[in-house]
Every structure is written in C-alpha cells, then in structure tokens.
Amino acid sequence: MLSGLLKAFKRLVVLLTAGSIVYTVVAYASAETPLINVSDTVAKEEIHVTHAVSNEDLQCLAENIYFEAGTESYAGKVAVALVTLTRVNDKRYPNGICEVVKEGPLYESWKTRNDANLPDEERVYFPRKHKCQFSWYCDGKSDKVRPGIGWDQAREVAYKVAVLGMYKGMVEESTHYHATYVSPAWRHDMTLIGRIDTHIFYRWDGSK
C-alpha cells in the first residue's frame, strides 16, 4: 500500500521510526525561496498545467494548507492539499474546493433571521463552532494569515497540486486524517494509509 507513496514522491526520504513511517523533505522551499518560480522549483519536464482553477479556489486551498498543516513539512502540506482535492472529486463531498474546505453545518445570523421578507441571497450564515470538516474554519480562532515562509509554501503547494497536478498518488486518495494525539472513532471504518509528520491518513473506501 505504501509503495504508491514512495513512487509518487521521489524527493522524500522515508524514515522508519518506532514502527511508524515518517516522511521528511530532502529539498524544496527554504527561507530564501521565493513564493513560486516554476522554472526553479520544478523540473521543466514536470510542468503540466492540468486544471483550470480559479483564484478563489486557490486561495481557499492555500488557506486550508496553511491552517491545517502550517507547522508540517513540505510533504505534510502536500498531503493536506491532496486530501482536499480527493474530496472535491468524490461525490460524497461538495464538488468545489472552497465548498469542501468550508463544509459544515451553518446557522443564520440573528440580524437576518428576524426578517421574514429578506431574500435568501441577502441572508447571512455562519459555520457552527467545532462542527466543520476542517477544524480551523470554525474553531473560533483568528483566520488571519501571517506573511512568511509558511504562507508562501502553502500557496506554492496549492498551485502545484491543483493547477500542475503534481504528487498524485502520494497519499493514495486519502479522504481523512487526524493528529497523532487524538483517536477519533471514525478511524475504525477507514483504510489506514500511513503517517506524515503529525497526521495519520485514511481512505474512506466504498461508493465514490
């Protein structure tokens, strides 16, 4: 099962540590690396623009990478991006990047709820706290991005994965992950794929 991970991401070294598989980056962005220069960071033969992705969707994907994997390695950021896109292509989830990132139950603002005559397009909704698919989006904390290498890498990864179609197969179409310090019950219904940094990845098999 893990052979797909190794073949798909040749720039990673696999370290076996206490029975767990941890991925670490050999070479990619450093503090001196600019936001993205395709000619510098990707071999020319690897450049293939495979998808038309809106700026809004790229922003949503970059934010998801930044907040979900901001402290992870480059590989960890790529893995979160791939999970996000796998969900977009799975009929059990919304079919847009922003919709997948922001998926979760909503409640209507009291400012619009009390106006029965207000058109639907003018109503204001908010995500229910701690109920979103990606926790950062409704954890009650600030969603302000801090400029720096973390944000630069998140934007670079979003572009490479969503637009260039790079690193496909690295996490074998994983649909879920959780931090190593929690043990959610849903993991028992999933196929274990592997671990990257502090995230353990799973695939929800069945009808897609």
N, C-alpha and C. Protein backbone atom coordinates (compact mmCIF):
# COMPACT_ATOMS: atom_id res chain seq x y z
N MET A 1 0.82 -1.21 0.00
CA MET A 1 0.00 0.00 0.00
C MET A 1 0.85 1.26 0.00
N LEU A 2 1.95 1.23 0.76
CA LEU A 2 2.79 2.42 0.86
C LEU A 2 3.70 2.58 -0.36
N SER A 3 3.74 1.59 -1.23
CA SER A 3 4.59 1.71 -2.41
C SER A 3 4.16 2.88 -3.28
N GLY A 4 2.86 3.14 -3.31
CA GLY A 4 2.37 4.28 -4.09
C GLY A 4 2.89 5.59 -3.57
N LEU A 5 3.03 5.69 -2.27
CA LEU A 5 3.57 6.91 -1.68
C LEU A 5 5.02 7.12 -2.10
N LEU A 6 5.79 6.05 -2.10
CA LEU A 6 7.21 6.18 -2.42
C LEU A 6 7.41 6.53 -3.88
N LYS A 7 6.66 5.91 -4.77
CA LYS A 7 6.80 6.16 -6.19
C LYS A 7 6.36 7.57 -6.56
N ALA A 8 5.32 8.06 -5.88
CA ALA A 8 4.74 9.34 -6.26
C ALA A 8 5.55 10.53 -5.79
N PHE A 9 6.36 10.35 -4.74
CA PHE A 9 7.06 11.49 -4.19
C PHE A 9 8.54 11.16 -4.05
N LYS A 10 9.27 11.21 -5.16
CA LYS A 10 10.64 10.75 -5.23
C LYS A 10 11.60 11.63 -4.44
N ARG A 11 11.20 12.85 -4.09
CA ARG A 11 12.10 13.75 -3.39
C ARG A 11 12.04 13.59 -1.88
N LEU A 12 11.30 12.60 -1.44
CA LEU A 12 11.20 12.38 0.01
C LEU A 12 12.05 11.19 0.43
N VAL A 13 12.57 11.27 1.61
CA VAL A 13 13.26 10.14 2.21
C VAL A 13 12.33 9.54 3.25
N VAL A 14 12.19 8.23 3.22
CA VAL A 14 11.32 7.56 4.17
C VAL A 14 12.15 7.09 5.36
N LEU A 15 11.74 7.51 6.52
CA LEU A 15 12.42 7.11 7.74
C LEU A 15 11.49 6.21 8.55
N LEU A 16 11.98 5.04 8.92
CA LEU A 16 11.20 4.15 9.76
C LEU A 16 11.58 4.41 11.21
N THR A 17 10.60 4.88 11.98
CA THR A 17 10.87 5.26 13.36
C THR A 17 9.86 4.61 14.27
N ALA A 18 10.30 3.72 15.10
CA ALA A 18 9.45 3.05 16.08
C ALA A 18 8.20 2.47 15.43
N GLY A 19 8.36 1.86 14.28
CA GLY A 19 7.24 1.24 13.61
C GLY A 19 6.36 2.17 12.84
N SER A 20 6.62 3.48 12.91
CA SER A 20 5.81 4.45 12.19
C SER A 20 6.59 4.97 11.00
N ILE A 21 5.87 5.30 9.93
CA ILE A 21 6.52 5.84 8.74
C ILE A 21 6.39 7.35 8.76
N VAL A 22 7.51 8.02 8.73
CA VAL A 22 7.55 9.47 8.77
C VAL A 22 8.24 9.94 7.51
N TYR A 23 7.70 10.98 6.87
CA TYR A 23 8.27 11.50 5.64
C TYR A 23 8.94 12.83 5.91
N THR A 24 10.12 13.00 5.37
CA THR A 24 10.81 14.27 5.56
C THR A 24 11.32 14.77 4.22
N VAL A 25 11.34 16.05 4.05
CA VAL A 25 11.70 16.63 2.76
C VAL A 25 13.21 16.68 2.58
N VAL A 26 13.67 16.27 1.41
CA VAL A 26 15.08 16.36 1.08
C VAL A 26 15.40 17.76 0.58
N ALA A 27 14.65 18.24 -0.36
CA ALA A 27 14.93 19.57 -0.92
C ALA A 27 13.66 20.20 -1.44
N TYR A 28 13.38 21.39 -1.00
CA TYR A 28 12.30 22.22 -1.53
C TYR A 28 12.46 23.60 -0.95
N ALA A 29 11.36 24.25 -0.68
CA ALA A 29 11.44 25.66 -0.28
C ALA A 29 12.22 25.84 1.01
N SER A 30 12.97 26.90 1.06
CA SER A 30 13.68 27.29 2.28
C SER A 30 13.32 28.73 2.56
N ALA A 31 13.88 29.29 3.61
CA ALA A 31 13.57 30.66 3.97
C ALA A 31 13.94 31.64 2.86
N GLU A 32 14.87 31.22 2.00
CA GLU A 32 15.31 32.10 0.93
C GLU A 32 14.52 31.88 -0.37
N THR A 33 13.65 30.86 -0.38
CA THR A 33 12.93 30.53 -1.60
C THR A 33 11.80 31.53 -1.85
N PRO A 34 11.67 32.07 -3.06
CA PRO A 34 10.57 32.98 -3.36
C PRO A 34 9.26 32.23 -3.36
N LEU A 35 8.14 32.98 -3.45
CA LEU A 35 6.82 32.37 -3.40
C LEU A 35 6.71 31.19 -4.33
N ILE A 36 6.90 31.40 -5.62
CA ILE A 36 6.94 30.29 -6.55
C ILE A 36 7.58 30.74 -7.85
N ASN A 37 8.54 30.00 -8.26
CA ASN A 37 9.15 30.22 -9.56
C ASN A 37 9.24 28.84 -10.18
N VAL A 38 8.29 28.52 -11.05
CA VAL A 38 8.19 27.17 -11.56
C VAL A 38 9.48 26.69 -12.18
N SER A 39 10.19 27.58 -12.87
CA SER A 39 11.43 27.17 -13.53
C SER A 39 12.50 26.77 -12.52
N ASP A 40 12.42 27.30 -11.30
CA ASP A 40 13.41 26.98 -10.28
C ASP A 40 13.01 25.78 -9.45
N THR A 41 11.73 25.61 -9.15
CA THR A 41 11.31 24.59 -8.19
C THR A 41 10.80 23.32 -8.83
N VAL A 42 10.53 23.34 -10.13
CA VAL A 42 10.01 22.15 -10.80
C VAL A 42 10.83 21.90 -12.06
N ALA A 43 11.26 20.66 -12.25
CA ALA A 43 11.98 20.33 -13.46
C ALA A 43 11.08 20.61 -14.67
N LYS A 44 11.67 21.11 -15.74
CA LYS A 44 10.86 21.54 -16.88
C LYS A 44 9.98 20.41 -17.44
N GLU A 45 10.48 19.19 -17.40
CA GLU A 45 9.69 18.10 -17.96
C GLU A 45 8.48 17.77 -17.07
N GLU A 46 8.44 18.31 -15.83
CA GLU A 46 7.34 18.03 -14.92
C GLU A 46 6.20 19.04 -15.06
N ILE A 47 6.41 20.12 -15.78
CA ILE A 47 5.43 21.19 -15.84
C ILE A 47 4.29 20.82 -16.78
N HIS A 48 3.12 20.60 -16.21
CA HIS A 48 1.93 20.30 -17.00
C HIS A 48 0.74 21.01 -16.34
N VAL A 49 0.20 22.02 -16.98
CA VAL A 49 -0.98 22.68 -16.44
C VAL A 49 -2.17 21.79 -16.76
N THR A 50 -2.72 21.15 -15.73
CA THR A 50 -3.75 20.14 -15.94
C THR A 50 -5.15 20.60 -15.57
N HIS A 51 -5.27 21.65 -14.78
CA HIS A 51 -6.59 22.06 -14.33
C HIS A 51 -6.74 23.58 -14.43
N ALA A 52 -7.96 24.01 -14.74
CA ALA A 52 -8.29 25.43 -14.68
C ALA A 52 -8.89 25.67 -13.30
N VAL A 53 -8.16 26.37 -12.47
CA VAL A 53 -8.58 26.61 -11.09
C VAL A 53 -8.69 28.10 -10.86
N SER A 54 -9.79 28.54 -10.28
CA SER A 54 -9.98 29.96 -10.04
C SER A 54 -9.07 30.46 -8.94
N ASN A 55 -8.82 31.76 -8.92
CA ASN A 55 -8.01 32.35 -7.85
C ASN A 55 -8.68 32.15 -6.50
N GLU A 56 -10.01 32.20 -6.48
CA GLU A 56 -10.73 31.99 -5.23
C GLU A 56 -10.49 30.59 -4.69
N ASP A 57 -10.53 29.59 -5.56
CA ASP A 57 -10.29 28.22 -5.13
C ASP A 57 -8.85 28.02 -4.68
N LEU A 58 -7.91 28.63 -5.39
CA LEU A 58 -6.51 28.54 -4.96
C LEU A 58 -6.31 29.17 -3.59
N GLN A 59 -6.99 30.28 -3.35
CA GLN A 59 -6.91 30.94 -2.04
C GLN A 59 -7.47 30.02 -0.95
N CYS A 60 -8.62 29.41 -1.21
CA CYS A 60 -9.22 28.50 -0.23
C CYS A 60 -8.30 27.32 0.06
N LEU A 61 -7.72 26.75 -0.99
CA LEU A 61 -6.83 25.60 -0.81
C LEU A 61 -5.58 26.01 -0.05
N ALA A 62 -5.00 27.15 -0.39
CA ALA A 62 -3.80 27.62 0.31
C ALA A 62 -4.10 27.87 1.79
N GLU A 63 -5.25 28.45 2.08
CA GLU A 63 -5.63 28.69 3.48
C GLU A 63 -5.80 27.37 4.23
N ASN A 64 -6.40 26.38 3.57
CA ASN A 64 -6.57 25.09 4.22
C ASN A 64 -5.24 24.44 4.53
N ILE A 65 -4.32 24.54 3.59
CA ILE A 65 -2.97 24.01 3.81
C ILE A 65 -2.29 24.75 4.95
N TYR A 66 -2.41 26.07 4.93
CA TYR A 66 -1.74 26.93 5.92
C TYR A 66 -2.23 26.64 7.33
N PHE A 67 -3.54 26.57 7.50
CA PHE A 67 -4.09 26.40 8.85
C PHE A 67 -4.09 24.95 9.32
N GLU A 68 -4.19 24.01 8.40
CA GLU A 68 -4.20 22.60 8.78
C GLU A 68 -2.79 22.02 8.91
N ALA A 69 -1.85 22.56 8.13
CA ALA A 69 -0.51 21.95 8.09
C ALA A 69 0.59 23.01 8.12
N GLY A 70 0.31 24.14 8.73
CA GLY A 70 1.28 25.23 8.76
C GLY A 70 2.60 24.88 9.39
N THR A 71 2.58 23.99 10.37
CA THR A 71 3.82 23.60 11.05
C THR A 71 4.36 22.27 10.55
N GLU A 72 3.70 21.69 9.54
CA GLU A 72 4.15 20.42 8.99
C GLU A 72 5.25 20.65 7.95
N SER A 73 5.90 19.58 7.55
CA SER A 73 6.90 19.65 6.49
C SER A 73 6.23 19.94 5.15
N TYR A 74 7.05 20.12 4.13
CA TYR A 74 6.50 20.35 2.79
C TYR A 74 5.62 19.16 2.39
N ALA A 75 6.07 17.96 2.71
CA ALA A 75 5.29 16.77 2.40
C ALA A 75 3.96 16.78 3.12
N GLY A 76 3.97 17.24 4.36
CA GLY A 76 2.73 17.32 5.13
C GLY A 76 1.74 18.29 4.52
N LYS A 77 2.25 19.37 3.99
CA LYS A 77 1.38 20.35 3.31
C LYS A 77 0.79 19.76 2.03
N VAL A 78 1.63 19.06 1.27
CA VAL A 78 1.15 18.42 0.04
C VAL A 78 0.05 17.41 0.37
N ALA A 79 0.24 16.65 1.44
CA ALA A 79 -0.74 15.62 1.81
C ALA A 79 -2.10 16.23 2.11
N VAL A 80 -2.13 17.34 2.84
CA VAL A 80 -3.41 18.00 3.15
C VAL A 80 -4.05 18.52 1.87
N ALA A 81 -3.26 19.06 0.97
CA ALA A 81 -3.79 19.54 -0.31
C ALA A 81 -4.42 18.39 -1.09
N LEU A 82 -3.76 17.25 -1.10
CA LEU A 82 -4.27 16.10 -1.85
C LEU A 82 -5.57 15.57 -1.26
N VAL A 83 -5.66 15.54 0.06
CA VAL A 83 -6.91 15.12 0.71
C VAL A 83 -8.04 16.04 0.30
N THR A 84 -7.77 17.33 0.30
CA THR A 84 -8.79 18.31 -0.08
C THR A 84 -9.29 18.06 -1.50
N LEU A 85 -8.37 17.86 -2.43
CA LEU A 85 -8.77 17.65 -3.83
C LEU A 85 -9.43 16.29 -4.04
N THR A 86 -9.02 15.29 -3.28
CA THR A 86 -9.69 13.99 -3.36
C THR A 86 -11.15 14.12 -2.99
N ARG A 87 -11.42 14.92 -1.99
CA ARG A 87 -12.82 15.14 -1.60
C ARG A 87 -13.60 15.87 -2.68
N VAL A 88 -12.95 16.82 -3.33
CA VAL A 88 -13.63 17.55 -4.42
C VAL A 88 -14.08 16.58 -5.51
N ASN A 89 -13.28 15.56 -5.77
CA ASN A 89 -13.58 14.60 -6.83
C ASN A 89 -14.39 13.41 -6.36
N ASP A 90 -14.87 13.44 -5.14
CA ASP A 90 -15.67 12.37 -4.55
C ASP A 90 -17.09 12.88 -4.38
N LYS A 91 -18.06 12.18 -4.95
CA LYS A 91 -19.44 12.65 -4.95
C LYS A 91 -20.05 12.71 -3.55
N ARG A 92 -19.39 12.15 -2.57
CA ARG A 92 -19.89 12.22 -1.20
C ARG A 92 -19.59 13.56 -0.54
N TYR A 93 -18.83 14.39 -1.25
CA TYR A 93 -18.47 15.72 -0.75
C TYR A 93 -18.87 16.77 -1.78
N PRO A 94 -18.84 18.05 -1.40
CA PRO A 94 -19.11 19.11 -2.38
C PRO A 94 -18.11 19.04 -3.54
N ASN A 95 -18.48 19.60 -4.68
CA ASN A 95 -17.62 19.46 -5.86
C ASN A 95 -16.81 20.70 -6.17
N GLY A 96 -16.55 21.54 -5.18
CA GLY A 96 -15.69 22.70 -5.35
C GLY A 96 -14.71 22.80 -4.21
N ILE A 97 -13.54 23.37 -4.47
CA ILE A 97 -12.51 23.44 -3.43
C ILE A 97 -12.98 24.26 -2.23
N CYS A 98 -13.48 25.45 -2.47
CA CYS A 98 -13.93 26.28 -1.35
C CYS A 98 -15.08 25.62 -0.59
N GLU A 99 -15.97 24.96 -1.32
CA GLU A 99 -17.10 24.29 -0.68
C GLU A 99 -16.62 23.14 0.21
N VAL A 100 -15.61 22.41 -0.24
CA VAL A 100 -15.05 21.32 0.56
C VAL A 100 -14.37 21.87 1.81
N VAL A 101 -13.56 22.90 1.63
CA VAL A 101 -12.83 23.48 2.75
C VAL A 101 -13.78 24.02 3.82
N LYS A 102 -14.88 24.60 3.39
CA LYS A 102 -15.81 25.26 4.32
C LYS A 102 -17.00 24.39 4.69
N GLU A 103 -16.96 23.12 4.35
CA GLU A 103 -18.11 22.25 4.59
C GLU A 103 -18.40 22.12 6.08
N GLY A 104 -19.67 22.22 6.41
CA GLY A 104 -20.10 22.07 7.79
C GLY A 104 -21.47 22.71 7.99
N PRO A 105 -22.14 22.39 9.09
CA PRO A 105 -23.47 22.96 9.35
C PRO A 105 -23.39 24.47 9.61
N LEU A 106 -24.42 25.18 9.18
CA LEU A 106 -24.48 26.64 9.32
C LEU A 106 -25.65 27.07 10.18
N TYR A 107 -25.54 28.25 10.72
CA TYR A 107 -26.68 28.87 11.39
C TYR A 107 -26.81 30.30 10.89
N GLU A 108 -28.04 30.79 10.88
CA GLU A 108 -28.28 32.12 10.33
C GLU A 108 -28.08 33.20 11.39
N SER A 109 -27.49 34.30 10.98
CA SER A 109 -27.29 35.44 11.87
C SER A 109 -28.63 35.98 12.36
N TRP A 110 -28.67 36.40 13.61
CA TRP A 110 -29.91 36.96 14.15
C TRP A 110 -30.32 38.24 13.41
N LYS A 111 -29.36 38.88 12.80
CA LYS A 111 -29.64 40.12 12.09
C LYS A 111 -30.53 39.89 10.86
N THR A 112 -30.41 38.71 10.26
CA THR A 112 -31.25 38.42 9.09
C THR A 112 -32.37 37.43 9.41
N ARG A 113 -32.18 36.63 10.44
CA ARG A 113 -33.18 35.61 10.78
C ARG A 113 -34.52 36.21 11.15
N ASN A 114 -34.50 37.38 11.73
CA ASN A 114 -35.74 38.01 12.21
C ASN A 114 -36.48 38.78 11.12
N ASP A 115 -35.96 38.76 9.90
CA ASP A 115 -36.62 39.46 8.80
C ASP A 115 -37.18 38.42 7.83
N ALA A 116 -38.47 38.14 7.96
CA ALA A 116 -39.11 37.10 7.15
C ALA A 116 -39.17 37.47 5.68
N ASN A 117 -39.08 38.74 5.36
CA ASN A 117 -39.22 39.18 3.97
C ASN A 117 -37.88 39.34 3.25
N LEU A 118 -36.77 39.05 3.93
CA LEU A 118 -35.46 39.23 3.33
C LEU A 118 -35.19 38.13 2.30
N PRO A 119 -34.75 38.49 1.10
CA PRO A 119 -34.44 37.47 0.08
C PRO A 119 -33.33 36.53 0.57
N ASP A 120 -33.34 35.29 0.10
CA ASP A 120 -32.35 34.29 0.54
C ASP A 120 -30.92 34.72 0.26
N GLU A 121 -30.69 35.39 -0.89
CA GLU A 121 -29.33 35.78 -1.24
C GLU A 121 -28.77 36.87 -0.34
N GLU A 122 -29.62 37.51 0.47
CA GLU A 122 -29.16 38.56 1.37
C GLU A 122 -29.02 38.08 2.81
N ARG A 123 -29.36 36.84 3.05
CA ARG A 123 -29.25 36.31 4.40
C ARG A 123 -27.80 35.97 4.72
N VAL A 124 -27.44 36.07 6.00
CA VAL A 124 -26.06 35.86 6.44
C VAL A 124 -25.99 34.61 7.31
N TYR A 125 -25.05 33.73 6.98
CA TYR A 125 -24.90 32.48 7.72
C TYR A 125 -23.47 32.34 8.24
N PHE A 126 -23.35 31.62 9.34
CA PHE A 126 -22.05 31.37 9.95
C PHE A 126 -21.90 29.87 10.22
N PRO A 127 -20.68 29.35 10.17
CA PRO A 127 -20.47 27.92 10.50
C PRO A 127 -20.63 27.68 11.99
N ARG A 128 -21.17 26.52 12.33
CA ARG A 128 -21.31 26.18 13.75
C ARG A 128 -19.95 25.81 14.33
N LYS A 129 -19.65 26.37 15.47
CA LYS A 129 -18.33 26.19 16.08
C LYS A 129 -18.02 24.72 16.33
N HIS A 130 -16.82 24.33 15.92
CA HIS A 130 -16.27 22.98 16.12
C HIS A 130 -17.07 21.90 15.39
N LYS A 131 -17.78 22.27 14.32
CA LYS A 131 -18.57 21.29 13.58
C LYS A 131 -18.12 21.15 12.12
N CYS A 132 -17.08 21.85 11.74
CA CYS A 132 -16.65 21.84 10.34
C CYS A 132 -15.77 20.62 10.03
N GLN A 133 -15.71 20.27 8.75
CA GLN A 133 -14.86 19.17 8.33
C GLN A 133 -13.39 19.46 8.60
N PHE A 134 -12.98 20.70 8.34
CA PHE A 134 -11.62 21.13 8.66
C PHE A 134 -11.73 22.10 9.84
N SER A 135 -11.17 21.71 10.95
CA SER A 135 -11.45 22.37 12.23
C SER A 135 -11.11 23.85 12.27
N TRP A 136 -10.08 24.27 11.55
CA TRP A 136 -9.65 25.67 11.64
C TRP A 136 -10.73 26.64 11.21
N TYR A 137 -11.61 26.19 10.32
CA TYR A 137 -12.58 27.11 9.73
C TYR A 137 -13.66 27.53 10.72
N CYS A 138 -13.88 26.76 11.76
CA CYS A 138 -14.92 27.15 12.72
C CYS A 138 -14.49 26.84 14.16
N ASP A 139 -13.21 27.07 14.45
CA ASP A 139 -12.73 26.83 15.81
C ASP A 139 -12.79 28.07 16.69
N GLY A 140 -13.29 29.17 16.13
CA GLY A 140 -13.41 30.40 16.91
C GLY A 140 -12.14 31.22 16.98
N LYS A 141 -11.07 30.74 16.39
CA LYS A 141 -9.80 31.47 16.41
C LYS A 141 -9.66 32.33 15.16
N SER A 142 -8.71 33.23 15.21
CA SER A 142 -8.48 34.11 14.07
C SER A 142 -8.04 33.33 12.84
N ASP A 143 -8.57 33.71 11.69
CA ASP A 143 -8.18 33.09 10.42
C ASP A 143 -7.28 34.03 9.62
N LYS A 144 -6.60 34.89 10.30
CA LYS A 144 -5.72 35.84 9.64
C LYS A 144 -4.40 35.16 9.27
N VAL A 145 -4.04 35.26 8.01
CA VAL A 145 -2.78 34.69 7.53
C VAL A 145 -1.62 35.61 7.86
N ARG A 146 -0.54 35.06 8.35
CA ARG A 146 0.66 35.83 8.65
C ARG A 146 1.67 35.64 7.52
N PRO A 147 2.05 36.69 6.83
CA PRO A 147 3.00 36.56 5.73
C PRO A 147 4.31 35.92 6.20
N GLY A 148 4.88 35.09 5.37
CA GLY A 148 6.13 34.43 5.73
C GLY A 148 6.28 33.14 4.95
N ILE A 149 7.27 32.34 5.31
CA ILE A 149 7.58 31.14 4.56
C ILE A 149 6.44 30.13 4.61
N GLY A 150 5.72 30.07 5.75
CA GLY A 150 4.61 29.13 5.86
C GLY A 150 3.51 29.42 4.85
N TRP A 151 3.15 30.69 4.72
CA TRP A 151 2.13 31.08 3.76
C TRP A 151 2.64 30.95 2.33
N ASP A 152 3.89 31.29 2.11
CA ASP A 152 4.49 31.14 0.79
C ASP A 152 4.45 29.67 0.35
N GLN A 153 4.81 28.77 1.24
CA GLN A 153 4.80 27.35 0.90
C GLN A 153 3.38 26.86 0.66
N ALA A 154 2.43 27.32 1.46
CA ALA A 154 1.04 26.91 1.29
C ALA A 154 0.52 27.30 -0.09
N ARG A 155 0.84 28.51 -0.52
CA ARG A 155 0.40 28.97 -1.84
C ARG A 155 1.10 28.19 -2.95
N GLU A 156 2.37 27.91 -2.76
CA GLU A 156 3.12 27.14 -3.75
C GLU A 156 2.56 25.74 -3.90
N VAL A 157 2.30 25.09 -2.76
CA VAL A 157 1.75 23.73 -2.79
C VAL A 157 0.38 23.73 -3.45
N ALA A 158 -0.46 24.70 -3.11
CA ALA A 158 -1.79 24.78 -3.71
C ALA A 158 -1.69 24.85 -5.23
N TYR A 159 -0.78 25.66 -5.73
CA TYR A 159 -0.60 25.81 -7.17
C TYR A 159 -0.10 24.51 -7.80
N LYS A 160 0.91 23.92 -7.20
CA LYS A 160 1.49 22.71 -7.78
C LYS A 160 0.49 21.55 -7.81
N VAL A 161 -0.28 21.42 -6.74
CA VAL A 161 -1.20 20.28 -6.65
C VAL A 161 -2.46 20.51 -7.47
N ALA A 162 -3.05 21.71 -7.36
CA ALA A 162 -4.33 21.95 -8.02
C ALA A 162 -4.19 22.31 -9.50
N VAL A 163 -3.16 23.04 -9.85
CA VAL A 163 -3.01 23.51 -11.23
C VAL A 163 -2.11 22.59 -12.03
N LEU A 164 -0.94 22.25 -11.48
CA LEU A 164 0.00 21.41 -12.21
C LEU A 164 -0.29 19.92 -12.07
N GLY A 165 -1.12 19.57 -11.08
CA GLY A 165 -1.48 18.17 -10.90
C GLY A 165 -0.34 17.31 -10.39
N MET A 166 0.54 17.90 -9.62
CA MET A 166 1.72 17.18 -9.13
C MET A 166 1.40 16.33 -7.89
N TYR A 167 2.24 15.33 -7.66
CA TYR A 167 2.25 14.47 -6.47
C TYR A 167 1.04 13.55 -6.36
N LYS A 168 0.32 13.32 -7.46
CA LYS A 168 -0.83 12.43 -7.41
C LYS A 168 -0.43 11.05 -6.91
N GLY A 169 -1.25 10.47 -6.07
CA GLY A 169 -0.98 9.13 -5.55
C GLY A 169 -0.15 9.10 -4.30
N MET A 170 0.35 10.25 -3.87
CA MET A 170 1.25 10.26 -2.72
C MET A 170 0.58 9.72 -1.46
N VAL A 171 -0.68 10.07 -1.24
CA VAL A 171 -1.39 9.56 -0.06
C VAL A 171 -2.53 8.63 -0.47
N GLU A 172 -2.42 8.09 -1.68
CA GLU A 172 -3.31 7.04 -2.15
C GLU A 172 -4.79 7.38 -1.96
N GLU A 173 -5.17 8.58 -2.41
CA GLU A 173 -6.55 9.04 -2.37
C GLU A 173 -7.13 9.06 -0.96
N SER A 174 -6.32 9.42 0.00
CA SER A 174 -6.83 9.56 1.37
C SER A 174 -7.91 10.63 1.41
N THR A 175 -8.93 10.36 2.21
CA THR A 175 -10.04 11.31 2.37
C THR A 175 -10.08 11.92 3.77
N HIS A 176 -9.35 11.31 4.70
CA HIS A 176 -9.38 11.75 6.09
C HIS A 176 -7.98 11.73 6.69
N TYR A 177 -7.81 12.49 7.74
CA TYR A 177 -6.61 12.41 8.56
C TYR A 177 -6.93 12.96 9.94
N HIS A 178 -6.11 12.61 10.88
CA HIS A 178 -6.24 13.19 12.23
C HIS A 178 -4.86 13.33 12.83
N ALA A 179 -4.75 14.18 13.83
CA ALA A 179 -3.48 14.39 14.51
C ALA A 179 -3.12 13.15 15.33
N THR A 180 -1.83 12.98 15.55
CA THR A 180 -1.36 11.79 16.27
C THR A 180 -1.80 11.76 17.72
N TYR A 181 -2.20 12.92 18.26
CA TYR A 181 -2.54 12.97 19.68
C TYR A 181 -4.03 12.75 19.95
N VAL A 182 -4.81 12.42 18.92
CA VAL A 182 -6.22 12.10 19.12
C VAL A 182 -6.52 10.75 18.48
N SER A 183 -7.63 10.14 18.89
CA SER A 183 -8.02 8.82 18.37
C SER A 183 -9.51 8.81 18.07
N PRO A 184 -9.93 9.45 16.99
CA PRO A 184 -11.36 9.52 16.67
C PRO A 184 -11.94 8.15 16.34
N ALA A 185 -13.20 7.94 16.71
CA ALA A 185 -13.85 6.65 16.50
C ALA A 185 -13.99 6.31 15.02
N TRP A 186 -14.12 7.33 14.16
CA TRP A 186 -14.35 7.07 12.74
C TRP A 186 -13.20 6.34 12.06
N ARG A 187 -12.02 6.37 12.67
CA ARG A 187 -10.85 5.77 12.03
C ARG A 187 -11.02 4.26 11.84
N HIS A 188 -11.85 3.64 12.67
CA HIS A 188 -12.04 2.19 12.57
C HIS A 188 -12.79 1.79 11.30
N ASP A 189 -13.47 2.74 10.69
CA ASP A 189 -14.23 2.46 9.47
C ASP A 189 -13.45 2.83 8.21
N MET A 190 -12.20 3.22 8.38
CA MET A 190 -11.38 3.68 7.26
C MET A 190 -10.21 2.73 6.99
N THR A 191 -9.65 2.85 5.79
CA THR A 191 -8.43 2.12 5.45
C THR A 191 -7.23 2.97 5.82
N LEU A 192 -6.38 2.46 6.68
CA LEU A 192 -5.18 3.19 7.11
C LEU A 192 -4.20 3.27 5.95
N ILE A 193 -3.72 4.47 5.66
CA ILE A 193 -2.76 4.68 4.58
C ILE A 193 -1.35 4.88 5.12
N GLY A 194 -1.19 5.77 6.08
CA GLY A 194 0.14 5.99 6.64
C GLY A 194 0.22 7.30 7.39
N ARG A 195 1.40 7.60 7.87
CA ARG A 195 1.61 8.81 8.67
C ARG A 195 2.62 9.73 8.00
N ILE A 196 2.32 11.02 8.02
CA ILE A 196 3.25 12.05 7.58
C ILE A 196 3.28 13.12 8.66
N ASP A 197 4.43 13.32 9.23
CA ASP A 197 4.58 14.29 10.33
C ASP A 197 3.62 13.93 11.46
N THR A 198 2.75 14.85 11.85
CA THR A 198 1.84 14.60 12.98
C THR A 198 0.44 14.23 12.53
N HIS A 199 0.28 13.87 11.26
CA HIS A 199 -1.03 13.47 10.75
C HIS A 199 -1.02 12.01 10.29
N ILE A 200 -2.10 11.30 10.62
CA ILE A 200 -2.29 9.92 10.17
C ILE A 200 -3.41 9.93 9.15
N PHE A 201 -3.16 9.32 7.99
CA PHE A 201 -4.08 9.42 6.86
C PHE A 201 -4.85 8.12 6.63
N TYR A 202 -6.11 8.31 6.20
CA TYR A 202 -7.02 7.19 5.96
C TYR A 202 -7.79 7.42 4.66
N ARG A 203 -8.27 6.34 4.09
CA ARG A 203 -9.13 6.44 2.90
C ARG A 203 -10.51 5.84 3.23
N TRP A 204 -11.53 6.60 2.86
CA TRP A 204 -12.92 6.14 3.02
C TRP A 204 -13.30 5.39 1.75
N ASP A 205 -13.20 4.07 1.82
CA ASP A 205 -13.49 3.26 0.65
C ASP A 205 -15.00 3.13 0.46
N GLY A 206 -15.39 2.61 -0.68
CA GLY A 206 -16.80 2.46 -0.98
C GLY A 206 -17.20 3.29 -2.15
N SER A 207 -18.48 3.55 -2.28
CA SER A 207 -19.01 4.30 -3.43
C SER A 207 -18.49 5.72 -3.43
N LYS A 208 -17.96 6.14 -4.58
CA LYS A 208 -17.48 7.50 -4.73
C LYS A 208 -18.35 8.22 -5.76
